[in-house]
Amino acid sequence: MKLTQEVIDKIQEAMLHKKKDGSINWKDTDEIEVQLAGTFAADRFIVIKNKTKNPVVSAAPHPHFDYDKKVFTKDGREEYMKEWGKQQEKKQNES
């Protein structure tokens, strides 16, 4: 299969997507790697990896979640509500 200009244009248009906040996700200066993949002889897909964003920095594990048991060990809602109440009281005292 040849990559015609029409196919290239469609790929280019798909790459112009933005993040939810409206900022550009991929920049023209990003280093990319192009790979071909597929599970069956007639199926292929193009993988475009953004090497500039590698390695991906994952979020820290949740401090109150037991990943072995798959349960939360502490309910943070109570602490949140206490802190929220303090903030509301502080706002009322300031006004």
PDB file of N, CA and C in Angstrom:
ATOM      1  N   MET A   1       0.848  -1.181   0.000  1.00  0.00           N
ATOM      2  CA  MET A   1       0.000   0.000   0.000  1.00  0.00           C
ATOM      3  C   MET A   1       0.889   1.238   0.000  1.00  0.00           C
ATOM      4  N   LYS A   2       0.559   2.160  -0.832  1.00  0.00           N
ATOM      5  CA  LYS A   2       1.288   3.429  -0.913  1.00  0.00           C
ATOM      6  C   LYS A   2       0.586   4.472  -0.051  1.00  0.00           C
ATOM      7  N   LEU A   3       1.375   5.304   0.582  1.00  0.00           N
ATOM      8  CA  LEU A   3       0.813   6.428   1.330  1.00  0.00           C
ATOM      9  C   LEU A   3       0.616   7.579   0.350  1.00  0.00           C
ATOM     10  N   THR A   4      -0.598   7.743  -0.077  1.00  0.00           N
ATOM     11  CA  THR A   4      -0.915   8.830  -1.002  1.00  0.00           C
ATOM     12  C   THR A   4      -0.979  10.147  -0.223  1.00  0.00           C
ATOM     13  N   GLN A   5      -0.974  11.242  -0.913  1.00  0.00           N
ATOM     14  CA  GLN A   5      -1.070  12.542  -0.258  1.00  0.00           C
ATOM     15  C   GLN A   5      -2.378  12.659   0.517  1.00  0.00           C
ATOM     16  N   GLU A   6      -3.438  12.051   0.003  1.00  0.00           N
ATOM     17  CA  GLU A   6      -4.728  12.081   0.693  1.00  0.00           C
ATOM     18  C   GLU A   6      -4.633  11.389   2.059  1.00  0.00           C
ATOM     19  N   VAL A   7      -3.974  10.227   2.110  1.00  0.00           N
ATOM     20  CA  VAL A   7      -3.804   9.502   3.369  1.00  0.00           C
ATOM     21  C   VAL A   7      -2.923  10.312   4.325  1.00  0.00           C
ATOM     22  N   ILE A   8      -1.852  10.876   3.828  1.00  0.00           N
ATOM     23  CA  ILE A   8      -0.962  11.705   4.643  1.00  0.00           C
ATOM     24  C   ILE A   8      -1.711  12.904   5.211  1.00  0.00           C
ATOM     25  N   ASP A   9      -2.553  13.528   4.407  1.00  0.00           N
ATOM     26  CA  ASP A   9      -3.346  14.673   4.868  1.00  0.00           C
ATOM     27  C   ASP A   9      -4.313  14.265   5.985  1.00  0.00           C
ATOM     28  N   LYS A  10      -4.917  13.081   5.865  1.00  0.00           N
ATOM     29  CA  LYS A  10      -5.839  12.600   6.898  1.00  0.00           C
ATOM     30  C   LYS A  10      -5.098  12.339   8.215  1.00  0.00           C
ATOM     31  N   ILE A  11      -3.894  11.776   8.117  1.00  0.00           N
ATOM     32  CA  ILE A  11      -3.087  11.544   9.314  1.00  0.00           C
ATOM     33  C   ILE A  11      -2.708  12.880   9.950  1.00  0.00           C
ATOM     34  N   GLN A  12      -2.303  13.829   9.114  1.00  0.00           N
ATOM     35  CA  GLN A  12      -1.921  15.156   9.616  1.00  0.00           C
ATOM     36  C   GLN A  12      -3.085  15.824  10.347  1.00  0.00           C
ATOM     37  N   GLU A  13      -4.267  15.728   9.795  1.00  0.00           N
ATOM     38  CA  GLU A  13      -5.448  16.323  10.421  1.00  0.00           C
ATOM     39  C   GLU A  13      -5.747  15.655  11.767  1.00  0.00           C
ATOM     40  N   ALA A  14      -5.593  14.336  11.820  1.00  0.00           N
ATOM     41  CA  ALA A  14      -5.839  13.610  13.069  1.00  0.00           C
ATOM     42  C   ALA A  14      -4.823  13.997  14.146  1.00  0.00           C
ATOM     43  N   MET A  15      -3.623  14.359  13.742  1.00  0.00           N
ATOM     44  CA  MET A  15      -2.570  14.720  14.700  1.00  0.00           C
ATOM     45  C   MET A  15      -2.750  16.129  15.269  1.00  0.00           C
ATOM     46  N   LEU A  16      -3.698  16.894  14.761  1.00  0.00           N
ATOM     47  CA  LEU A  16      -3.889  18.266  15.214  1.00  0.00           C
ATOM     48  C   LEU A  16      -4.775  18.384  16.458  1.00  0.00           C
ATOM     49  N   HIS A  17      -5.145  17.260  17.066  1.00  0.00           N
ATOM     50  CA  HIS A  17      -6.033  17.319  18.227  1.00  0.00           C
ATOM     51  C   HIS A  17      -5.359  18.064  19.376  1.00  0.00           C
ATOM     52  N   LYS A  18      -6.185  18.604  20.266  1.00  0.00           N
ATOM     53  CA  LYS A  18      -5.679  19.380  21.401  1.00  0.00           C
ATOM     54  C   LYS A  18      -6.169  18.765  22.705  1.00  0.00           C
ATOM     55  N   LYS A  19      -5.542  19.169  23.804  1.00  0.00           N
ATOM     56  CA  LYS A  19      -5.955  18.723  25.133  1.00  0.00           C
ATOM     57  C   LYS A  19      -7.257  19.419  25.511  1.00  0.00           C
ATOM     58  N   LYS A  20      -7.863  18.977  26.604  1.00  0.00           N
ATOM     59  CA  LYS A  20      -9.122  19.567  27.064  1.00  0.00           C
ATOM     60  C   LYS A  20      -8.986  21.060  27.337  1.00  0.00           C
ATOM     61  N   ASP A  21      -7.788  21.475  27.804  1.00  0.00           N
ATOM     62  CA  ASP A  21      -7.594  22.893  28.109  1.00  0.00           C
ATOM     63  C   ASP A  21      -7.282  23.727  26.865  1.00  0.00           C
ATOM     64  N   GLY A  22      -7.234  23.092  25.696  1.00  0.00           N
ATOM     65  CA  GLY A  22      -7.016  23.802  24.438  1.00  0.00           C
ATOM     66  C   GLY A  22      -5.565  23.890  24.006  1.00  0.00           C
ATOM     67  N   SER A  23      -4.645  23.403  24.841  1.00  0.00           N
ATOM     68  CA  SER A  23      -3.227  23.471  24.466  1.00  0.00           C
ATOM     69  C   SER A  23      -2.890  22.347  23.479  1.00  0.00           C
ATOM     70  N   ILE A  24      -1.841  22.571  22.720  1.00  0.00           N
ATOM     71  CA  ILE A  24      -1.394  21.598  21.707  1.00  0.00           C
ATOM     72  C   ILE A  24      -0.832  20.369  22.413  1.00  0.00           C
ATOM     73  N   ASN A  25      -1.236  19.201  21.971  1.00  0.00           N
ATOM     74  CA  ASN A  25      -0.773  17.959  22.568  1.00  0.00           C
ATOM     75  C   ASN A  25       0.582  17.544  21.994  1.00  0.00           C
ATOM     76  N   TRP A  26       0.692  17.536  20.686  1.00  0.00           N
ATOM     77  CA  TRP A  26       1.944  17.167  20.021  1.00  0.00           C
ATOM     78  C   TRP A  26       2.462  18.383  19.273  1.00  0.00           C
ATOM     79  N   LYS A  27       3.753  18.677  19.439  1.00  0.00           N
ATOM     80  CA  LYS A  27       4.365  19.830  18.779  1.00  0.00           C
ATOM     81  C   LYS A  27       5.140  19.374  17.556  1.00  0.00           C
ATOM     82  N   ASP A  28       5.324  20.275  16.608  1.00  0.00           N
ATOM     83  CA  ASP A  28       6.075  19.951  15.389  1.00  0.00           C
ATOM     84  C   ASP A  28       7.513  19.542  15.700  1.00  0.00           C
ATOM     85  N   THR A  29       8.038  19.996  16.825  1.00  0.00           N
ATOM     86  CA  THR A  29       9.428  19.695  17.188  1.00  0.00           C
ATOM     87  C   THR A  29       9.581  18.392  17.959  1.00  0.00           C
ATOM     88  N   ASP A  30       8.474  17.723  18.312  1.00  0.00           N
ATOM     89  CA  ASP A  30       8.540  16.458  19.051  1.00  0.00           C
ATOM     90  C   ASP A  30       9.223  15.381  18.212  1.00  0.00           C
ATOM     91  N   GLU A  31      10.017  14.564  18.885  1.00  0.00           N
ATOM     92  CA  GLU A  31      10.674  13.438  18.212  1.00  0.00           C
ATOM     93  C   GLU A  31       9.685  12.272  18.194  1.00  0.00           C
ATOM     94  N   ILE A  32       9.461  11.692  17.024  1.00  0.00           N
ATOM     95  CA  ILE A  32       8.488  10.598  16.917  1.00  0.00           C
ATOM     96  C   ILE A  32       9.140   9.325  16.395  1.00  0.00           C
ATOM     97  N   GLU A  33       8.467   8.214  16.638  1.00  0.00           N
ATOM     98  CA  GLU A  33       8.869   6.919  16.112  1.00  0.00           C
ATOM     99  C   GLU A  33       7.632   6.314  15.458  1.00  0.00           C
ATOM    100  N   VAL A  34       7.766   5.842  14.233  1.00  0.00           N
ATOM    101  CA  VAL A  34       6.643   5.270  13.498  1.00  0.00           C
ATOM    102  C   VAL A  34       6.850   3.765  13.400  1.00  0.00           C
ATOM    103  N   GLN A  35       5.808   3.010  13.767  1.00  0.00           N
ATOM    104  CA  GLN A  35       5.860   1.552  13.722  1.00  0.00           C
ATOM    105  C   GLN A  35       4.606   1.024  13.029  1.00  0.00           C
ATOM    106  N   LEU A  36       4.717  -0.158  12.484  1.00  0.00           N
ATOM    107  CA  LEU A  36       3.589  -0.835  11.852  1.00  0.00           C
ATOM    108  C   LEU A  36       3.260  -2.053  12.701  1.00  0.00           C
ATOM    109  N   ALA A  37       1.983  -2.261  12.983  1.00  0.00           N
ATOM    110  CA  ALA A  37       1.577  -3.388  13.824  1.00  0.00           C
ATOM    111  C   ALA A  37       0.294  -3.993  13.282  1.00  0.00           C
ATOM    112  N   GLY A  38      -0.060  -5.163  13.796  1.00  0.00           N
ATOM    113  CA  GLY A  38      -1.286  -5.837  13.401  1.00  0.00           C
ATOM    114  C   GLY A  38      -1.251  -7.281  13.836  1.00  0.00           C
ATOM    115  N   THR A  39      -2.427  -7.871  13.983  1.00  0.00           N
ATOM    116  CA  THR A  39      -2.496  -9.255  14.458  1.00  0.00           C
ATOM    117  C   THR A  39      -2.773 -10.253  13.335  1.00  0.00           C
ATOM    118  N   PHE A  40      -3.383  -9.804  12.272  1.00  0.00           N
ATOM    119  CA  PHE A  40      -3.686 -10.680  11.136  1.00  0.00           C
ATOM    120  C   PHE A  40      -3.002 -10.140   9.886  1.00  0.00           C
ATOM    121  N   ALA A  41      -2.832 -10.983   8.900  1.00  0.00           N
ATOM    122  CA  ALA A  41      -2.110 -10.598   7.684  1.00  0.00           C
ATOM    123  C   ALA A  41      -2.755  -9.413   6.971  1.00  0.00           C
ATOM    124  N   ALA A  42      -4.064  -9.323   7.014  1.00  0.00           N
ATOM    125  CA  ALA A  42      -4.758  -8.250   6.291  1.00  0.00           C
ATOM    126  C   ALA A  42      -4.971  -7.003   7.147  1.00  0.00           C
ATOM    127  N   ASP A  43      -4.667  -7.094   8.439  1.00  0.00           N
ATOM    128  CA  ASP A  43      -4.891  -5.964   9.345  1.00  0.00           C
ATOM    129  C   ASP A  43      -3.569  -5.307   9.712  1.00  0.00           C
ATOM    130  N   ARG A  44      -3.508  -4.005   9.552  1.00  0.00           N
ATOM    131  CA  ARG A  44      -2.332  -3.253   9.932  1.00  0.00           C
ATOM    132  C   ARG A  44      -2.776  -1.931  10.522  1.00  0.00           C
ATOM    133  N   PHE A  45      -2.023  -1.461  11.494  1.00  0.00           N
ATOM    134  CA  PHE A  45      -2.257  -0.116  11.973  1.00  0.00           C
ATOM    135  C   PHE A  45      -0.915   0.554  12.208  1.00  0.00           C
ATOM    136  N   ILE A  46      -0.914   1.849  12.070  1.00  0.00           N
ATOM    137  CA  ILE A  46       0.299   2.637  12.223  1.00  0.00           C
ATOM    138  C   ILE A  46       0.350   3.161  13.653  1.00  0.00           C
ATOM    139  N   VAL A  47       1.476   2.955  14.304  1.00  0.00           N
ATOM    140  CA  VAL A  47       1.698   3.449  15.661  1.00  0.00           C
ATOM    141  C   VAL A  47       2.667   4.621  15.558  1.00  0.00           C
ATOM    142  N   ILE A  48       2.262   5.758  16.087  1.00  0.00           N
ATOM    143  CA  ILE A  48       3.133   6.926  16.111  1.00  0.00           C
ATOM    144  C   ILE A  48       3.413   7.237  17.574  1.00  0.00           C
ATOM    145  N   LYS A  49       4.637   6.965  18.017  1.00  0.00           N
ATOM    146  CA  LYS A  49       5.017   7.175  19.413  1.00  0.00           C
ATOM    147  C   LYS A  49       5.715   8.524  19.540  1.00  0.00           C
ATOM    148  N   ASN A  50       5.337   9.259  20.550  1.00  0.00           N
ATOM    149  CA  ASN A  50       5.974  10.537  20.833  1.00  0.00           C
ATOM    150  C   ASN A  50       7.130  10.274  21.790  1.00  0.00           C
ATOM    151  N   LYS A  51       8.345  10.176  21.253  1.00  0.00           N
ATOM    152  CA  LYS A  51       9.512   9.868  22.068  1.00  0.00           C
ATOM    153  C   LYS A  51       9.914  11.038  22.960  1.00  0.00           C
ATOM    154  N   THR A  52       9.455  12.246  22.629  1.00  0.00           N
ATOM    155  CA  THR A  52       9.757  13.410  23.454  1.00  0.00           C
ATOM    156  C   THR A  52       9.095  13.286  24.817  1.00  0.00           C
ATOM    157  N   LYS A  53       7.928  12.636  24.864  1.00  0.00           N
ATOM    158  CA  LYS A  53       7.190  12.486  26.118  1.00  0.00           C
ATOM    159  C   LYS A  53       7.541  11.183  26.835  1.00  0.00           C
ATOM    160  N   ASN A  54       8.634  10.560  26.441  1.00  0.00           N
ATOM    161  CA  ASN A  54       9.030   9.296  27.040  1.00  0.00           C
ATOM    162  C   ASN A  54      10.223   9.548  27.946  1.00  0.00           C
ATOM    163  N   PRO A  55      10.331   9.101  29.144  1.00  0.00           N
ATOM    164  CA  PRO A  55       9.378   8.185  29.740  1.00  0.00           C
ATOM    165  C   PRO A  55       8.170   8.922  30.310  1.00  0.00           C
ATOM    166  N   VAL A  56       7.056   8.247  30.277  1.00  0.00           N
ATOM    167  CA  VAL A  56       5.838   8.801  30.849  1.00  0.00           C
ATOM    168  C   VAL A  56       5.980   8.766  32.365  1.00  0.00           C
ATOM    169  N   VAL A  57       5.653   9.850  33.015  1.00  0.00           N
ATOM    170  CA  VAL A  57       5.725   9.904  34.475  1.00  0.00           C
ATOM    171  C   VAL A  57       4.344   9.573  35.026  1.00  0.00           C
ATOM    172  N   SER A  58       4.238   8.429  35.651  1.00  0.00           N
ATOM    173  CA  SER A  58       2.955   7.986  36.191  1.00  0.00           C
ATOM    174  C   SER A  58       2.672   8.679  37.518  1.00  0.00           C
ATOM    175  N   ALA A  59       1.411   8.714  37.870  1.00  0.00           N
ATOM    176  CA  ALA A  59       1.008   9.291  39.143  1.00  0.00           C
ATOM    177  C   ALA A  59       1.473   8.391  40.286  1.00  0.00           C
ATOM    178  N   ALA A  60       1.680   8.995  41.441  1.00  0.00           N
ATOM    179  CA  ALA A  60       2.073   8.226  42.625  1.00  0.00           C
ATOM    180  C   ALA A  60       0.917   7.337  43.070  1.00  0.00           C
ATOM    181  N   PRO A  61       1.202   6.186  43.660  1.00  0.00           N
ATOM    182  CA  PRO A  61       0.129   5.333  44.158  1.00  0.00           C
ATOM    183  C   PRO A  61      -0.695   6.061  45.218  1.00  0.00           C
ATOM    184  N   HIS A  62      -1.972   5.767  45.274  1.00  0.00           N
ATOM    185  CA  HIS A  62      -2.852   6.400  46.259  1.00  0.00           C
ATOM    186  C   HIS A  62      -2.420   5.947  47.656  1.00  0.00           C
ATOM    187  N   PRO A  63      -2.193   6.886  48.573  1.00  0.00           N
ATOM    188  CA  PRO A  63      -1.681   6.509  49.893  1.00  0.00           C
ATOM    189  C   PRO A  63      -2.655   5.701  50.754  1.00  0.00           C
ATOM    190  N   HIS A  64      -3.940   5.771  50.452  1.00  0.00           N
ATOM    191  CA  HIS A  64      -4.928   5.085  51.283  1.00  0.00           C
ATOM    192  C   HIS A  64      -5.626   3.949  50.534  1.00  0.00           C
ATOM    193  N   PHE A  65      -4.892   3.304  49.612  1.00  0.00           N
ATOM    194  CA  PHE A  65      -5.487   2.193  48.871  1.00  0.00           C
ATOM    195  C   PHE A  65      -4.568   0.992  48.985  1.00  0.00           C
ATOM    196  N   ASP A  66      -5.136  -0.163  49.385  1.00  0.00           N
ATOM    197  CA  ASP A  66      -4.385  -1.413  49.464  1.00  0.00           C
ATOM    198  C   ASP A  66      -4.522  -2.094  48.104  1.00  0.00           C
ATOM    199  N   TYR A  67      -3.461  -2.054  47.307  1.00  0.00           N
ATOM    200  CA  TYR A  67      -3.512  -2.569  45.935  1.00  0.00           C
ATOM    201  C   TYR A  67      -3.590  -4.091  45.890  1.00  0.00           C
ATOM    202  N   ASP A  68      -3.125  -4.766  46.951  1.00  0.00           N
ATOM    203  CA  ASP A  68      -3.249  -6.227  46.985  1.00  0.00           C
ATOM    204  C   ASP A  68      -4.694  -6.652  47.241  1.00  0.00           C
ATOM    205  N   LYS A  69      -5.337  -5.993  48.205  1.00  0.00           N
ATOM    206  CA  LYS A  69      -6.722  -6.329  48.557  1.00  0.00           C
ATOM    207  C   LYS A  69      -7.743  -5.583  47.702  1.00  0.00           C
ATOM    208  N   LYS A  70      -7.267  -4.545  46.983  1.00  0.00           N
ATOM    209  CA  LYS A  70      -8.119  -3.727  46.114  1.00  0.00           C
ATOM    210  C   LYS A  70      -9.233  -3.017  46.902  1.00  0.00           C
ATOM    211  N   VAL A  71      -8.858  -2.450  48.055  1.00  0.00           N
ATOM    212  CA  VAL A  71      -9.803  -1.711  48.890  1.00  0.00           C
ATOM    213  C   VAL A  71      -9.124  -0.467  49.443  1.00  0.00           C
ATOM    214  N   PHE A  72      -9.928   0.544  49.738  1.00  0.00           N
ATOM    215  CA  PHE A  72      -9.404   1.727  50.395  1.00  0.00           C
ATOM    216  C   PHE A  72      -9.242   1.428  51.878  1.00  0.00           C
ATOM    217  N   THR A  73      -8.133   1.840  52.454  1.00  0.00           N
ATOM    218  CA  THR A  73      -7.863   1.595  53.867  1.00  0.00           C
ATOM    219  C   THR A  73      -8.347   2.745  54.738  1.00  0.00           C
ATOM    220  N   LYS A  74      -8.628   3.870  54.113  1.00  0.00           N
ATOM    221  CA  LYS A  74      -9.051   5.054  54.856  1.00  0.00           C
ATOM    222  C   LYS A  74      -9.962   5.866  53.957  1.00  0.00           C
ATOM    223  N   ASP A  75     -11.031   6.370  54.534  1.00  0.00           N
ATOM    224  CA  ASP A  75     -11.969   7.186  53.777  1.00  0.00           C
ATOM    225  C   ASP A  75     -11.579   8.647  53.936  1.00  0.00           C
ATOM    226  N   GLY A  76     -11.073   9.246  52.890  1.00  0.00           N
ATOM    227  CA  GLY A  76     -10.595  10.621  52.945  1.00  0.00           C
ATOM    228  C   GLY A  76     -11.694  11.663  52.972  1.00  0.00           C
ATOM    229  N   ARG A  77     -12.952  11.251  52.800  1.00  0.00           N
ATOM    230  CA  ARG A  77     -14.052  12.218  52.776  1.00  0.00           C
ATOM    231  C   ARG A  77     -14.222  12.917  54.121  1.00  0.00           C
ATOM    232  N   GLU A  78     -14.014  12.178  55.206  1.00  0.00           N
ATOM    233  CA  GLU A  78     -14.170  12.780  56.536  1.00  0.00           C
ATOM    234  C   GLU A  78     -13.142  13.891  56.749  1.00  0.00           C
ATOM    235  N   GLU A  79     -11.895  13.620  56.406  1.00  0.00           N
ATOM    236  CA  GLU A  79     -10.850  14.635  56.540  1.00  0.00           C
ATOM    237  C   GLU A  79     -11.136  15.830  55.637  1.00  0.00           C
ATOM    238  N   TYR A  80     -11.603  15.548  54.424  1.00  0.00           N
ATOM    239  CA  TYR A  80     -11.925  16.630  53.489  1.00  0.00           C
ATOM    240  C   TYR A  80     -13.018  17.527  54.066  1.00  0.00           C
ATOM    241  N   MET A  81     -14.059  16.930  54.608  1.00  0.00           N
ATOM    242  CA  MET A  81     -15.170  17.715  55.145  1.00  0.00           C
ATOM    243  C   MET A  81     -14.738  18.539  56.356  1.00  0.00           C
ATOM    244  N   LYS A  82     -13.858  17.993  57.204  1.00  0.00           N
ATOM    245  CA  LYS A  82     -13.341  18.751  58.344  1.00  0.00           C
ATOM    246  C   LYS A  82     -12.569  19.974  57.849  1.00  0.00           C
ATOM    247  N   GLU A  83     -11.691  19.750  56.861  1.00  0.00           N
ATOM    248  CA  GLU A  83     -10.882  20.851  56.317  1.00  0.00           C
ATOM    249  C   GLU A  83     -11.775  21.876  55.618  1.00  0.00           C
ATOM    250  N   TRP A  84     -12.762  21.405  54.889  1.00  0.00           N
ATOM    251  CA  TRP A  84     -13.684  22.301  54.194  1.00  0.00           C
ATOM    252  C   TRP A  84     -14.447  23.165  55.204  1.00  0.00           C
ATOM    253  N   GLY A  85     -14.876  22.534  56.296  1.00  0.00           N
ATOM    254  CA  GLY A  85     -15.590  23.255  57.350  1.00  0.00           C
ATOM    255  C   GLY A  85     -14.719  24.342  57.970  1.00  0.00           C
ATOM    256  N   LYS A  86     -13.443  24.028  58.194  1.00  0.00           N
ATOM    257  CA  LYS A  86     -12.514  25.025  58.739  1.00  0.00           C
ATOM    258  C   LYS A  86     -12.364  26.209  57.779  1.00  0.00           C
ATOM    259  N   GLN A  87     -12.269  25.911  56.488  1.00  0.00           N
ATOM    260  CA  GLN A  87     -12.123  26.967  55.487  1.00  0.00           C
ATOM    261  C   GLN A  87     -13.375  27.848  55.432  1.00  0.00           C
ATOM    262  N   GLN A  88     -14.550  27.238  55.532  1.00  0.00           N
ATOM    263  CA  GLN A  88     -15.790  28.005  55.496  1.00  0.00           C
ATOM    264  C   GLN A  88     -15.893  28.891  56.732  1.00  0.00           C
ATOM    265  N   GLU A  89     -15.502  28.344  57.872  1.00  0.00           N
ATOM    266  CA  GLU A  89     -15.538  29.121  59.117  1.00  0.00           C
ATOM    267  C   GLU A  89     -14.566  30.302  59.039  1.00  0.00           C
ATOM    268  N   LYS A  90     -13.406  30.056  58.466  1.00  0.00           N
ATOM    269  CA  LYS A  90     -12.407  31.116  58.310  1.00  0.00           C
ATOM    270  C   LYS A  90     -12.934  32.239  57.400  1.00  0.00           C
ATOM    271  N   LYS A  91     -13.606  31.855  56.319  1.00  0.00           N
ATOM    272  CA  LYS A  91     -14.178  32.850  55.398  1.00  0.00           C
ATOM    273  C   LYS A  91     -15.233  33.705  56.091  1.00  0.00           C
ATOM    274  N   GLN A  92     -16.056  33.056  56.914  1.00  0.00           N
ATOM    275  CA  GLN A  92     -17.108  33.791  57.633  1.00  0.00           C
ATOM    276  C   GLN A  92     -16.507  34.757  58.646  1.00  0.00           C
ATOM    277  N   ASN A  93     -15.435  34.357  59.313  1.00  0.00           N
ATOM    278  CA  ASN A  93     -14.794  35.216  60.293  1.00  0.00           C
ATOM    279  C   ASN A  93     -14.099  36.421  59.635  1.00  0.00           C
ATOM    280  N   GLU A  94     -13.635  36.228  58.399  1.00  0.00           N
ATOM    281  CA  GLU A  94     -12.948  37.300  57.676  1.00  0.00           C
ATOM    282  C   GLU A  94     -13.919  38.338  57.146  1.00  0.00           C
ATOM    283  N   SER A  95     -15.162  37.945  56.902  1.00  0.00           N
ATOM    284  CA  SER A  95     -16.120  38.899  56.319  1.00  0.00           C
ATOM    285  C   SER A  95     -16.978  39.580  57.335  1.00  0.00           C
TER     286      SER A  95
END
